[in-house]
Amino acid sequence: MRNWMGVIKGMITVGLVITVLGLLFTDRGIVTDAPGGTTDSASAEEPGKGQLEDSSGDVLPTVLAGVEQDTSQGAGTGGSADPDIAGEDEETSLSYINNKDALSERELIERGKVIYLTFDDGPGKYTAELLDILAKYDIKATFFVTGGNEGYFDMIGRAKDEGHTIGIHCYNHDYKKVYASEHAYFADLEKIDEIIFDQTGERAQLVRFPGGSSNISSKFNPGIMTRLTGMVEEKGYRYFDWNVLSGDAGDTKDTEEIIRNMIDGILKKDISVVLQHDLYDYSIAAVEEVILWGLENGYAFLPLSMESPTIHHPIAN
């Protein structure tokens, strides 16, 4: 009898030990039946903690910061998020959206909602600040340059290096001299083109006439604009006017008004060629807000090229 009692006590002891050990392993989160061996259950990530789960139960990749994923049609609609923009701020993400899956200039023009930012009369002391703003959003613009500020000619080279278009405005912004004759006009053009070549290693192809092709400041020389507009294109250049005025050249020095002028003008056009001047700090101060507005409303910003749609004014002389 004593032997049987000993056996029973031994069995009870073993059972208690097994039970206690089981409780200890369970509390420590050890899963002993995981395929391939023991696995820490704390490493298993539940749907909703950095992951999404679609209707089929499949786990989807984590949604990247700053990118809104549309799950209305299931996972992956429209392609996966780009990891290069994870964690970036809203402004940088807007730049990414503007340049991702870039269409050709022709395709963007056919779509509409294209903005060409153009700046006349520089370079000057505010051109570097402007270039910094454009670089922040990876926006390319067009600079129609002059010879008025020799100390800032290096900004022409910087603008070209950063992907902007450099065009000819004039060397000497004096209507009486520039429009004295056809010979005088092209002598002035060649002088500023030499500076452009020195800074960029390339000749300019685009031209903007001082005062635009519709200027009446040249009327002291009857018909010269009619003659010059034909001659520059015969020589292989293309000239561009504008169809949106910022008003920064005499109409206003108020940045908010310049912003309103630009946005109001852009809203009336499918293709907008905006005139500003990089000589005025109050005009440069408007650029960032217009860029943000444009990106938020689905506009593409492009530099002018030989393939861009021509914006010409009616010639008044």
C-alpha atoms as a PDB file:
ATOM      1  CA  MET A   1       0.000   0.000   0.000  1.00  0.00           C
ATOM      2  CA  ARG A   2       2.819   2.342   0.920  1.00  0.00           C
ATOM      3  CA  ASN A   3       4.401   1.651  -2.502  1.00  0.00           C
ATOM      4  CA  TRP A   4       1.187   2.580  -4.310  1.00  0.00           C
ATOM      5  CA  MET A   5       0.878   5.781  -2.268  1.00  0.00           C
ATOM      6  CA  GLY A   6       4.426   6.711  -3.238  1.00  0.00           C
ATOM      7  CA  VAL A   7       3.675   6.173  -6.922  1.00  0.00           C
ATOM      8  CA  ILE A   8       0.531   8.322  -6.708  1.00  0.00           C
ATOM      9  CA  LYS A   9       2.402  11.115  -4.938  1.00  0.00           C
ATOM     10  CA  GLY A  10       5.130  10.979  -7.600  1.00  0.00           C
ATOM     11  CA  MET A  11       2.603  11.254 -10.430  1.00  0.00           C
ATOM     12  CA  ILE A  12       0.908  14.228  -8.781  1.00  0.00           C
ATOM     13  CA  THR A  13       4.282  15.943  -8.344  1.00  0.00           C
ATOM     14  CA  VAL A  14       5.240  15.423 -12.023  1.00  0.00           C
ATOM     15  CA  GLY A  15       1.860  16.782 -13.138  1.00  0.00           C
ATOM     16  CA  LEU A  16       2.258  19.882 -11.032  1.00  0.00           C
ATOM     17  CA  VAL A  17       5.751  20.483 -12.415  1.00  0.00           C
ATOM     18  CA  ILE A  18       4.496  20.173 -16.033  1.00  0.00           C
ATOM     19  CA  THR A  19       1.616  22.522 -15.342  1.00  0.00           C
ATOM     20  CA  VAL A  20       3.876  25.150 -13.769  1.00  0.00           C
ATOM     21  CA  LEU A  21       6.376  24.920 -16.634  1.00  0.00           C
ATOM     22  CA  GLY A  22       3.583  25.327 -19.185  1.00  0.00           C
ATOM     23  CA  LEU A  23       2.350  28.452 -17.458  1.00  0.00           C
ATOM     24  CA  LEU A  24       5.866  29.889 -17.390  1.00  0.00           C
ATOM     25  CA  PHE A  25       6.396  29.296 -21.143  1.00  0.00           C
ATOM     26  CA  THR A  26       2.984  30.733 -22.009  1.00  0.00           C
ATOM     27  CA  ASP A  27       3.617  33.914 -20.012  1.00  0.00           C
ATOM     28  CA  ARG A  28       6.918  34.471 -21.810  1.00  0.00           C
ATOM     29  CA  GLY A  29       5.211  34.419 -25.226  1.00  0.00           C
ATOM     30  CA  ILE A  30       6.956  31.345 -26.540  1.00  0.00           C
ATOM     31  CA  VAL A  31       5.161  29.497 -29.312  1.00  0.00           C
ATOM     32  CA  THR A  32       6.509  25.988 -29.443  1.00  0.00           C
ATOM     33  CA  ASP A  33       4.509  24.769 -32.432  1.00  0.00           C
ATOM     34  CA  ALA A  34       5.725  27.393 -34.939  1.00  0.00           C
ATOM     35  CA  PRO A  35       7.052  25.885 -38.183  1.00  0.00           C
ATOM     36  CA  GLY A  36      10.814  25.897 -38.241  1.00  0.00           C
ATOM     37  CA  GLY A  37      11.274  26.213 -34.486  1.00  0.00           C
ATOM     38  CA  THR A  38      10.566  28.551 -31.630  1.00  0.00           C
ATOM     39  CA  THR A  39       9.340  32.088 -32.552  1.00  0.00           C
ATOM     40  CA  ASP A  40       8.851  35.176 -30.393  1.00  0.00           C
ATOM     41  CA  SER A  41       5.173  36.100 -30.727  1.00  0.00           C
ATOM     42  CA  ALA A  42       5.952  39.796 -30.112  1.00  0.00           C
ATOM     43  CA  SER A  43       7.494  40.023 -33.608  1.00  0.00           C
ATOM     44  CA  ALA A  44       4.269  39.082 -35.380  1.00  0.00           C
ATOM     45  CA  GLU A  45       2.660  42.317 -36.694  1.00  0.00           C
ATOM     46  CA  GLU A  46      -1.111  42.515 -36.728  1.00  0.00           C
ATOM     47  CA  PRO A  47      -3.000  44.085 -39.641  1.00  0.00           C
ATOM     48  CA  GLY A  48      -3.534  47.722 -38.749  1.00  0.00           C
ATOM     49  CA  LYS A  49      -0.157  48.106 -37.048  1.00  0.00           C
ATOM     50  CA  GLY A  50       1.866  49.443 -39.979  1.00  0.00           C
ATOM     51  CA  GLN A  51       0.035  47.210 -42.459  1.00  0.00           C
ATOM     52  CA  LEU A  52      -3.323  47.128 -44.200  1.00  0.00           C
ATOM     53  CA  GLU A  53      -5.415  44.099 -45.051  1.00  0.00           C
ATOM     54  CA  ASP A  54      -7.603  43.910 -48.122  1.00  0.00           C
ATOM     55  CA  SER A  55     -10.914  42.065 -48.473  1.00  0.00           C
ATOM     56  CA  SER A  56      -9.160  38.830 -49.418  1.00  0.00           C
ATOM     57  CA  GLY A  57      -7.194  38.824 -46.169  1.00  0.00           C
ATOM     58  CA  ASP A  58      -3.848  39.474 -47.878  1.00  0.00           C
ATOM     59  CA  VAL A  59      -1.529  41.852 -46.071  1.00  0.00           C
ATOM     60  CA  LEU A  60      -0.737  45.072 -47.966  1.00  0.00           C
ATOM     61  CA  PRO A  61       2.489  47.119 -47.643  1.00  0.00           C
ATOM     62  CA  THR A  62       2.619  49.926 -45.118  1.00  0.00           C
ATOM     63  CA  VAL A  63       1.194  53.221 -46.396  1.00  0.00           C
ATOM     64  CA  LEU A  64       4.052  55.682 -46.850  1.00  0.00           C
ATOM     65  CA  ALA A  65       4.071  58.994 -45.060  1.00  0.00           C
ATOM     66  CA  GLY A  66       2.669  61.865 -47.108  1.00  0.00           C
ATOM     67  CA  VAL A  67       1.023  59.605 -49.701  1.00  0.00           C
ATOM     68  CA  GLU A  68      -2.678  58.908 -49.530  1.00  0.00           C
ATOM     69  CA  GLN A  69      -3.512  55.368 -50.685  1.00  0.00           C
ATOM     70  CA  ASP A  70      -6.849  54.796 -52.407  1.00  0.00           C
ATOM     71  CA  THR A  71      -8.272  51.486 -51.197  1.00  0.00           C
ATOM     72  CA  SER A  72     -11.671  51.901 -52.846  1.00  0.00           C
ATOM     73  CA  GLN A  73     -10.714  49.491 -55.646  1.00  0.00           C
ATOM     74  CA  GLY A  74      -8.448  47.170 -53.706  1.00  0.00           C
ATOM     75  CA  ALA A  75      -4.750  47.090 -53.118  1.00  0.00           C
ATOM     76  CA  GLY A  76      -2.216  48.627 -55.442  1.00  0.00           C
ATOM     77  CA  THR A  77      -4.599  50.640 -57.639  1.00  0.00           C
ATOM     78  CA  GLY A  78      -2.549  53.138 -59.616  1.00  0.00           C
ATOM     79  CA  GLY A  79       0.767  51.553 -58.661  1.00  0.00           C
ATOM     80  CA  SER A  80       2.716  51.262 -55.432  1.00  0.00           C
ATOM     81  CA  ALA A  81       3.914  54.234 -53.410  1.00  0.00           C
ATOM     82  CA  ASP A  82       7.434  55.459 -54.100  1.00  0.00           C
ATOM     83  CA  PRO A  83       9.744  54.950 -51.081  1.00  0.00           C
ATOM     84  CA  ASP A  84      11.836  57.950 -52.118  1.00  0.00           C
ATOM     85  CA  ILE A  85       9.209  60.329 -50.742  1.00  0.00           C
ATOM     86  CA  ALA A  86       8.468  58.527 -47.476  1.00  0.00           C
ATOM     87  CA  GLY A  87       8.620  60.930 -44.566  1.00  0.00           C
ATOM     88  CA  GLU A  88       9.039  64.050 -46.700  1.00  0.00           C
ATOM     89  CA  ASP A  89       7.090  67.197 -45.888  1.00  0.00           C
ATOM     90  CA  GLU A  90       4.035  68.339 -47.843  1.00  0.00           C
ATOM     91  CA  GLU A  91       5.924  70.862 -49.962  1.00  0.00           C
ATOM     92  CA  THR A  92       8.467  68.306 -51.192  1.00  0.00           C
ATOM     93  CA  SER A  93       5.699  65.792 -51.885  1.00  0.00           C
ATOM     94  CA  LEU A  94       3.962  68.369 -54.074  1.00  0.00           C
ATOM     95  CA  SER A  95       7.156  68.705 -56.100  1.00  0.00           C
ATOM     96  CA  TYR A  96       7.349  64.904 -56.405  1.00  0.00           C
ATOM     97  CA  ILE A  97       3.753  64.708 -57.658  1.00  0.00           C
ATOM     98  CA  ASN A  98       4.448  67.471 -60.199  1.00  0.00           C
ATOM     99  CA  ASN A  99       7.415  65.606 -61.705  1.00  0.00           C
ATOM    100  CA  LYS A 100       6.498  61.932 -61.245  1.00  0.00           C
ATOM    101  CA  ASP A 101       5.557  60.084 -64.435  1.00  0.00           C
ATOM    102  CA  ALA A 102       6.508  63.218 -66.413  1.00  0.00           C
ATOM    103  CA  LEU A 103       4.698  63.612 -69.703  1.00  0.00           C
ATOM    104  CA  SER A 104       6.290  65.287 -72.707  1.00  0.00           C
ATOM    105  CA  GLU A 105       5.742  69.001 -73.181  1.00  0.00           C
ATOM    106  CA  ARG A 106       3.393  68.284 -76.078  1.00  0.00           C
ATOM    107  CA  GLU A 107       1.315  65.858 -73.990  1.00  0.00           C
ATOM    108  CA  LEU A 108       1.081  68.338 -71.137  1.00  0.00           C
ATOM    109  CA  ILE A 109       0.031  71.093 -73.523  1.00  0.00           C
ATOM    110  CA  GLU A 110      -2.711  68.870 -74.949  1.00  0.00           C
ATOM    111  CA  ARG A 111      -3.889  68.219 -71.399  1.00  0.00           C
ATOM    112  CA  GLY A 112      -3.831  71.953 -70.566  1.00  0.00           C
ATOM    113  CA  LYS A 113      -3.109  73.527 -67.175  1.00  0.00           C
ATOM    114  CA  VAL A 114       0.482  74.439 -68.040  1.00  0.00           C
ATOM    115  CA  ILE A 115       2.308  77.414 -66.532  1.00  0.00           C
ATOM    116  CA  TYR A 116       5.474  78.934 -67.965  1.00  0.00           C
ATOM    117  CA  LEU A 117       7.049  81.264 -65.399  1.00  0.00           C
ATOM    118  CA  THR A 118       9.229  83.827 -67.194  1.00  0.00           C
ATOM    119  CA  PHE A 119      11.469  86.523 -65.722  1.00  0.00           C
ATOM    120  CA  ASP A 120      12.777  89.567 -67.579  1.00  0.00           C
ATOM    121  CA  ASP A 121      15.526  92.153 -67.029  1.00  0.00           C
ATOM    122  CA  GLY A 122      17.793  90.120 -64.739  1.00  0.00           C
ATOM    123  CA  PRO A 123      20.017  88.813 -63.484  1.00  0.00           C
ATOM    124  CA  GLY A 124      20.115  90.929 -60.350  1.00  0.00           C
ATOM    125  CA  LYS A 125      20.549  90.761 -56.600  1.00  0.00           C
ATOM    126  CA  TYR A 126      17.323  88.793 -56.083  1.00  0.00           C
ATOM    127  CA  THR A 127      17.961  86.184 -58.775  1.00  0.00           C
ATOM    128  CA  ALA A 128      19.765  83.815 -56.387  1.00  0.00           C
ATOM    129  CA  GLU A 129      16.814  83.910 -53.982  1.00  0.00           C
ATOM    130  CA  LEU A 130      14.456  83.151 -56.852  1.00  0.00           C
ATOM    131  CA  LEU A 131      16.600  80.221 -57.980  1.00  0.00           C
ATOM    132  CA  ASP A 132      16.543  78.842 -54.434  1.00  0.00           C
ATOM    133  CA  ILE A 133      12.728  78.938 -54.413  1.00  0.00           C
ATOM    134  CA  LEU A 134      12.485  77.243 -57.797  1.00  0.00           C
ATOM    135  CA  ALA A 135      14.980  74.561 -56.714  1.00  0.00           C
ATOM    136  CA  LYS A 136      12.980  73.873 -53.535  1.00  0.00           C
ATOM    137  CA  TYR A 137      10.044  72.662 -55.632  1.00  0.00           C
ATOM    138  CA  ASP A 138      12.059  71.454 -58.655  1.00  0.00           C
ATOM    139  CA  ILE A 139      10.311  74.017 -60.872  1.00  0.00           C
ATOM    140  CA  LYS A 140      11.945  75.070 -64.139  1.00  0.00           C
ATOM    141  CA  ALA A 141      11.438  78.580 -65.503  1.00  0.00           C
ATOM    142  CA  THR A 142      12.693  80.878 -68.262  1.00  0.00           C
ATOM    143  CA  PHE A 143      14.998  83.881 -67.867  1.00  0.00           C
ATOM    144  CA  PHE A 144      15.153  86.553 -70.579  1.00  0.00           C
ATOM    145  CA  VAL A 145      18.364  88.235 -69.535  1.00  0.00           C
ATOM    146  CA  THR A 146      19.983  91.637 -70.031  1.00  0.00           C
ATOM    147  CA  GLY A 147      23.444  93.131 -69.662  1.00  0.00           C
ATOM    148  CA  GLY A 148      22.444  95.616 -66.991  1.00  0.00           C
ATOM    149  CA  ASN A 149      24.052  93.966 -63.941  1.00  0.00           C
ATOM    150  CA  GLU A 150      27.534  92.671 -64.701  1.00  0.00           C
ATOM    151  CA  GLY A 151      28.121  91.624 -61.094  1.00  0.00           C
ATOM    152  CA  TYR A 152      25.378  88.981 -61.357  1.00  0.00           C
ATOM    153  CA  PHE A 153      26.222  87.414 -64.720  1.00  0.00           C
ATOM    154  CA  ASP A 154      27.184  84.209 -62.892  1.00  0.00           C
ATOM    155  CA  MET A 155      23.492  83.730 -62.110  1.00  0.00           C
ATOM    156  CA  ILE A 156      22.959  83.084 -65.826  1.00  0.00           C
ATOM    157  CA  GLY A 157      25.300  80.112 -65.609  1.00  0.00           C
ATOM    158  CA  ARG A 158      23.703  78.881 -62.395  1.00  0.00           C
ATOM    159  CA  ALA A 159      20.202  79.107 -63.870  1.00  0.00           C
ATOM    160  CA  LYS A 160      21.287  77.119 -66.918  1.00  0.00           C
ATOM    161  CA  ASP A 161      23.034  74.495 -64.774  1.00  0.00           C
ATOM    162  CA  GLU A 162      19.845  74.055 -62.731  1.00  0.00           C
ATOM    163  CA  GLY A 163      17.754  73.308 -65.809  1.00  0.00           C
ATOM    164  CA  HIS A 164      16.202  76.669 -66.597  1.00  0.00           C
ATOM    165  CA  THR A 165      15.934  78.152 -70.086  1.00  0.00           C
ATOM    166  CA  ILE A 166      18.043  81.216 -70.859  1.00  0.00           C
ATOM    167  CA  GLY A 167      16.673  83.573 -73.499  1.00  0.00           C
ATOM    168  CA  ILE A 168      17.722  86.926 -74.950  1.00  0.00           C
ATOM    169  CA  HIS A 169      16.010  90.117 -73.821  1.00  0.00           C
ATOM    170  CA  CYS A 170      18.544  92.812 -74.641  1.00  0.00           C
ATOM    171  CA  TYR A 171      21.940  94.064 -73.580  1.00  0.00           C
ATOM    172  CA  ASN A 172      20.966  97.721 -73.196  1.00  0.00           C
ATOM    173  CA  HIS A 173      17.329  98.259 -72.181  1.00  0.00           C
ATOM    174  CA  ASP A 174      17.135 101.616 -73.953  1.00  0.00           C
ATOM    175  CA  TYR A 175      14.399 101.666 -76.599  1.00  0.00           C
ATOM    176  CA  LYS A 176      15.979 104.558 -78.501  1.00  0.00           C
ATOM    177  CA  LYS A 177      19.191 102.594 -78.921  1.00  0.00           C
ATOM    178  CA  VAL A 178      17.807  99.080 -79.358  1.00  0.00           C
ATOM    179  CA  TYR A 179      15.176 100.084 -81.930  1.00  0.00           C
ATOM    180  CA  ALA A 180      17.222 102.723 -83.735  1.00  0.00           C
ATOM    181  CA  SER A 181      17.568 100.329 -86.678  1.00  0.00           C
ATOM    182  CA  GLU A 182      17.589  96.662 -87.537  1.00  0.00           C
ATOM    183  CA  HIS A 183      21.375  96.737 -87.401  1.00  0.00           C
ATOM    184  CA  ALA A 184      21.282  98.306 -83.923  1.00  0.00           C
ATOM    185  CA  TYR A 185      18.846  95.687 -82.670  1.00  0.00           C
ATOM    186  CA  PHE A 186      20.930  92.711 -83.835  1.00  0.00           C
ATOM    187  CA  ALA A 187      24.168  94.273 -82.589  1.00  0.00           C
ATOM    188  CA  ASP A 188      22.569  94.514 -79.151  1.00  0.00           C
ATOM    189  CA  LEU A 189      21.235  90.945 -79.420  1.00  0.00           C
ATOM    190  CA  GLU A 190      24.654  89.567 -80.315  1.00  0.00           C
ATOM    191  CA  LYS A 191      26.260  91.398 -77.395  1.00  0.00           C
ATOM    192  CA  ILE A 192      24.008  89.792 -74.774  1.00  0.00           C
ATOM    193  CA  ASP A 193      24.226  86.440 -76.558  1.00  0.00           C
ATOM    194  CA  GLU A 194      28.022  86.546 -76.104  1.00  0.00           C
ATOM    195  CA  ILE A 195      27.525  86.915 -72.356  1.00  0.00           C
ATOM    196  CA  ILE A 196      25.058  84.002 -72.364  1.00  0.00           C
ATOM    197  CA  PHE A 197      27.573  81.890 -74.277  1.00  0.00           C
ATOM    198  CA  ASP A 198      30.373  82.791 -71.851  1.00  0.00           C
ATOM    199  CA  GLN A 199      28.225  81.689 -68.911  1.00  0.00           C
ATOM    200  CA  THR A 200      26.541  78.608 -70.375  1.00  0.00           C
ATOM    201  CA  GLY A 201      28.624  77.420 -73.319  1.00  0.00           C
ATOM    202  CA  GLU A 202      25.538  77.628 -75.533  1.00  0.00           C
ATOM    203  CA  ARG A 203      23.907  80.190 -77.793  1.00  0.00           C
ATOM    204  CA  ALA A 204      20.397  81.301 -76.904  1.00  0.00           C
ATOM    205  CA  GLN A 205      17.515  80.396 -79.209  1.00  0.00           C
ATOM    206  CA  LEU A 206      14.639  82.246 -77.584  1.00  0.00           C
ATOM    207  CA  VAL A 207      14.036  85.996 -77.711  1.00  0.00           C
ATOM    208  CA  ARG A 208      11.743  88.430 -75.939  1.00  0.00           C
ATOM    209  CA  PHE A 209      11.692  91.925 -77.367  1.00  0.00           C
ATOM    210  CA  PRO A 210      12.095  94.828 -74.924  1.00  0.00           C
ATOM    211  CA  GLY A 211       8.528  95.945 -74.291  1.00  0.00           C
ATOM    212  CA  GLY A 212       7.224  92.894 -76.167  1.00  0.00           C
ATOM    213  CA  SER A 213       6.467  92.655 -79.872  1.00  0.00           C
ATOM    214  CA  SER A 214       3.444  94.934 -79.341  1.00  0.00           C
ATOM    215  CA  ASN A 215       5.449  97.820 -77.835  1.00  0.00           C
ATOM    216  CA  ILE A 216       4.720 101.350 -78.992  1.00  0.00           C
ATOM    217  CA  SER A 217       7.970 102.741 -77.598  1.00  0.00           C
ATOM    218  CA  SER A 218       9.548 101.928 -80.955  1.00  0.00           C
ATOM    219  CA  LYS A 219       7.121 104.097 -82.961  1.00  0.00           C
ATOM    220  CA  PHE A 220       9.823 106.697 -83.462  1.00  0.00           C
ATOM    221  CA  ASN A 221      11.059 104.165 -86.075  1.00  0.00           C
ATOM    222  CA  PRO A 222       7.888 103.309 -88.039  1.00  0.00           C
ATOM    223  CA  GLY A 223       7.408  99.622 -88.855  1.00  0.00           C
ATOM    224  CA  ILE A 224      10.518  98.355 -87.113  1.00  0.00           C
ATOM    225  CA  MET A 225       8.666  95.764 -84.997  1.00  0.00           C
ATOM    226  CA  THR A 226       6.961  94.378 -88.102  1.00  0.00           C
ATOM    227  CA  ARG A 227      10.360  93.984 -89.701  1.00  0.00           C
ATOM    228  CA  LEU A 228      12.182  92.629 -86.630  1.00  0.00           C
ATOM    229  CA  THR A 229       9.605  89.966 -85.762  1.00  0.00           C
ATOM    230  CA  GLY A 230      10.086  88.480 -89.211  1.00  0.00           C
ATOM    231  CA  MET A 231      13.855  88.809 -89.176  1.00  0.00           C
ATOM    232  CA  VAL A 232      14.500  87.079 -85.842  1.00  0.00           C
ATOM    233  CA  GLU A 233      12.603  84.001 -87.001  1.00  0.00           C
ATOM    234  CA  GLU A 234      14.346  84.036 -90.365  1.00  0.00           C
ATOM    235  CA  LYS A 235      17.619  83.886 -88.409  1.00  0.00           C
ATOM    236  CA  GLY A 236      16.444  80.773 -86.500  1.00  0.00           C
ATOM    237  CA  TYR A 237      15.250  82.351 -83.250  1.00  0.00           C
ATOM    238  CA  ARG A 238      11.763  82.159 -81.762  1.00  0.00           C
ATOM    239  CA  TYR A 239      10.274  85.112 -79.944  1.00  0.00           C
ATOM    240  CA  PHE A 240       7.825  84.931 -77.072  1.00  0.00           C
ATOM    241  CA  ASP A 241       5.517  87.490 -75.534  1.00  0.00           C
ATOM    242  CA  TRP A 242       3.241  86.685 -72.544  1.00  0.00           C
ATOM    243  CA  ASN A 243      -0.462  86.275 -71.776  1.00  0.00           C
ATOM    244  CA  VAL A 244      -0.469  86.706 -67.977  1.00  0.00           C
ATOM    245  CA  LEU A 245       0.770  89.910 -66.348  1.00  0.00           C
ATOM    246  CA  SER A 246       1.956  89.981 -62.763  1.00  0.00           C
ATOM    247  CA  GLY A 247       1.805  93.755 -62.703  1.00  0.00           C
ATOM    248  CA  ASP A 248       5.198  94.006 -61.013  1.00  0.00           C
ATOM    249  CA  ALA A 249       6.645  96.446 -63.578  1.00  0.00           C
ATOM    250  CA  GLY A 250       4.983  99.648 -62.445  1.00  0.00           C
ATOM    251  CA  ASP A 251       1.401  98.640 -61.671  1.00  0.00           C
ATOM    252  CA  THR A 252       1.973  97.503 -58.081  1.00  0.00           C
ATOM    253  CA  LYS A 253       4.611  96.739 -55.474  1.00  0.00           C
ATOM    254  CA  ASP A 254       2.188  94.780 -53.298  1.00  0.00           C
ATOM    255  CA  THR A 255       3.077  91.082 -53.175  1.00  0.00           C
ATOM    256  CA  GLU A 256      -0.494  89.956 -52.448  1.00  0.00           C
ATOM    257  CA  GLU A 257      -1.781  91.884 -55.442  1.00  0.00           C
ATOM    258  CA  ILE A 258       0.883  90.322 -57.644  1.00  0.00           C
ATOM    259  CA  ILE A 259      -0.200  86.872 -56.449  1.00  0.00           C
ATOM    260  CA  ARG A 260      -3.838  87.671 -57.237  1.00  0.00           C
ATOM    261  CA  ASN A 261      -2.922  89.036 -60.668  1.00  0.00           C
ATOM    262  CA  MET A 262      -1.018  85.891 -61.533  1.00  0.00           C
ATOM    263  CA  ILE A 263      -3.619  83.418 -60.277  1.00  0.00           C
ATOM    264  CA  ASP A 264      -6.524  85.334 -61.831  1.00  0.00           C
ATOM    265  CA  GLY A 265      -4.701  85.396 -65.165  1.00  0.00           C
ATOM    266  CA  ILE A 266      -3.741  81.722 -65.041  1.00  0.00           C
ATOM    267  CA  LEU A 267      -7.334  80.668 -64.318  1.00  0.00           C
ATOM    268  CA  LYS A 268      -8.410  82.212 -67.635  1.00  0.00           C
ATOM    269  CA  LYS A 269      -5.906  80.248 -69.721  1.00  0.00           C
ATOM    270  CA  ASP A 270      -5.147  76.629 -70.570  1.00  0.00           C
ATOM    271  CA  ILE A 271      -1.545  77.630 -71.299  1.00  0.00           C
ATOM    272  CA  SER A 272      -0.134  80.549 -69.303  1.00  0.00           C
ATOM    273  CA  VAL A 273       3.065  82.444 -70.044  1.00  0.00           C
ATOM    274  CA  VAL A 274       3.510  84.641 -66.981  1.00  0.00           C
ATOM    275  CA  LEU A 275       5.599  87.827 -67.032  1.00  0.00           C
ATOM    276  CA  GLN A 276       7.606  88.762 -63.949  1.00  0.00           C
ATOM    277  CA  HIS A 277      10.886  90.552 -63.304  1.00  0.00           C
ATOM    278  CA  ASP A 278      13.608  89.139 -61.065  1.00  0.00           C
ATOM    279  CA  LEU A 279      14.810  92.639 -60.166  1.00  0.00           C
ATOM    280  CA  TYR A 280      12.084  93.203 -57.566  1.00  0.00           C
ATOM    281  CA  ASP A 281      11.991  91.550 -54.144  1.00  0.00           C
ATOM    282  CA  TYR A 282       8.236  92.119 -53.828  1.00  0.00           C
ATOM    283  CA  SER A 283       7.702  90.112 -57.016  1.00  0.00           C
ATOM    284  CA  ILE A 284      10.041  87.293 -56.011  1.00  0.00           C
ATOM    285  CA  ALA A 285       8.098  87.064 -52.723  1.00  0.00           C
ATOM    286  CA  ALA A 286       5.009  86.050 -54.729  1.00  0.00           C
ATOM    287  CA  VAL A 287       6.588  83.109 -56.530  1.00  0.00           C
ATOM    288  CA  GLU A 288       6.423  80.450 -53.811  1.00  0.00           C
ATOM    289  CA  GLU A 289       2.734  80.954 -53.091  1.00  0.00           C
ATOM    290  CA  VAL A 290       1.872  80.784 -56.791  1.00  0.00           C
ATOM    291  CA  ILE A 291       3.898  77.576 -57.149  1.00  0.00           C
ATOM    292  CA  LEU A 292       2.107  75.974 -54.204  1.00  0.00           C
ATOM    293  CA  TRP A 293      -1.278  77.048 -55.554  1.00  0.00           C
ATOM    294  CA  GLY A 294      -0.414  75.687 -58.997  1.00  0.00           C
ATOM    295  CA  LEU A 295       0.779  72.310 -57.727  1.00  0.00           C
ATOM    296  CA  GLU A 296      -2.219  71.916 -55.435  1.00  0.00           C
ATOM    297  CA  ASN A 297      -4.540  72.594 -58.371  1.00  0.00           C
ATOM    298  CA  GLY A 298      -2.949  70.215 -60.855  1.00  0.00           C
ATOM    299  CA  TYR A 299      -0.845  72.589 -62.949  1.00  0.00           C
ATOM    300  CA  ALA A 300       2.475  71.652 -64.534  1.00  0.00           C
ATOM    301  CA  PHE A 301       5.314  74.191 -64.585  1.00  0.00           C
ATOM    302  CA  LEU A 302       7.610  74.108 -67.624  1.00  0.00           C
ATOM    303  CA  PRO A 303      10.460  76.149 -69.108  1.00  0.00           C
ATOM    304  CA  LEU A 304       9.949  77.574 -72.577  1.00  0.00           C
ATOM    305  CA  SER A 305      11.580  75.723 -75.451  1.00  0.00           C
ATOM    306  CA  MET A 306      11.663  75.844 -79.237  1.00  0.00           C
ATOM    307  CA  GLU A 307       8.688  73.431 -79.160  1.00  0.00           C
ATOM    308  CA  SER A 308       6.556  75.511 -76.778  1.00  0.00           C
ATOM    309  CA  PRO A 309       3.304  77.079 -77.993  1.00  0.00           C
ATOM    310  CA  THR A 310       3.989  80.548 -79.372  1.00  0.00           C
ATOM    311  CA  ILE A 311       2.437  83.453 -77.513  1.00  0.00           C
ATOM    312  CA  HIS A 312       2.531  86.543 -79.768  1.00  0.00           C
ATOM    313  CA  HIS A 313       0.934  89.933 -79.262  1.00  0.00           C
ATOM    314  CA  PRO A 314      -0.656  91.882 -82.107  1.00  0.00           C
ATOM    315  CA  ILE A 315       2.137  94.033 -83.532  1.00  0.00           C
ATOM    316  CA  ALA A 316       1.414  97.739 -83.076  1.00  0.00           C
ATOM    317  CA  ASN A 317       4.330  99.098 -85.108  1.00  0.00           C
END
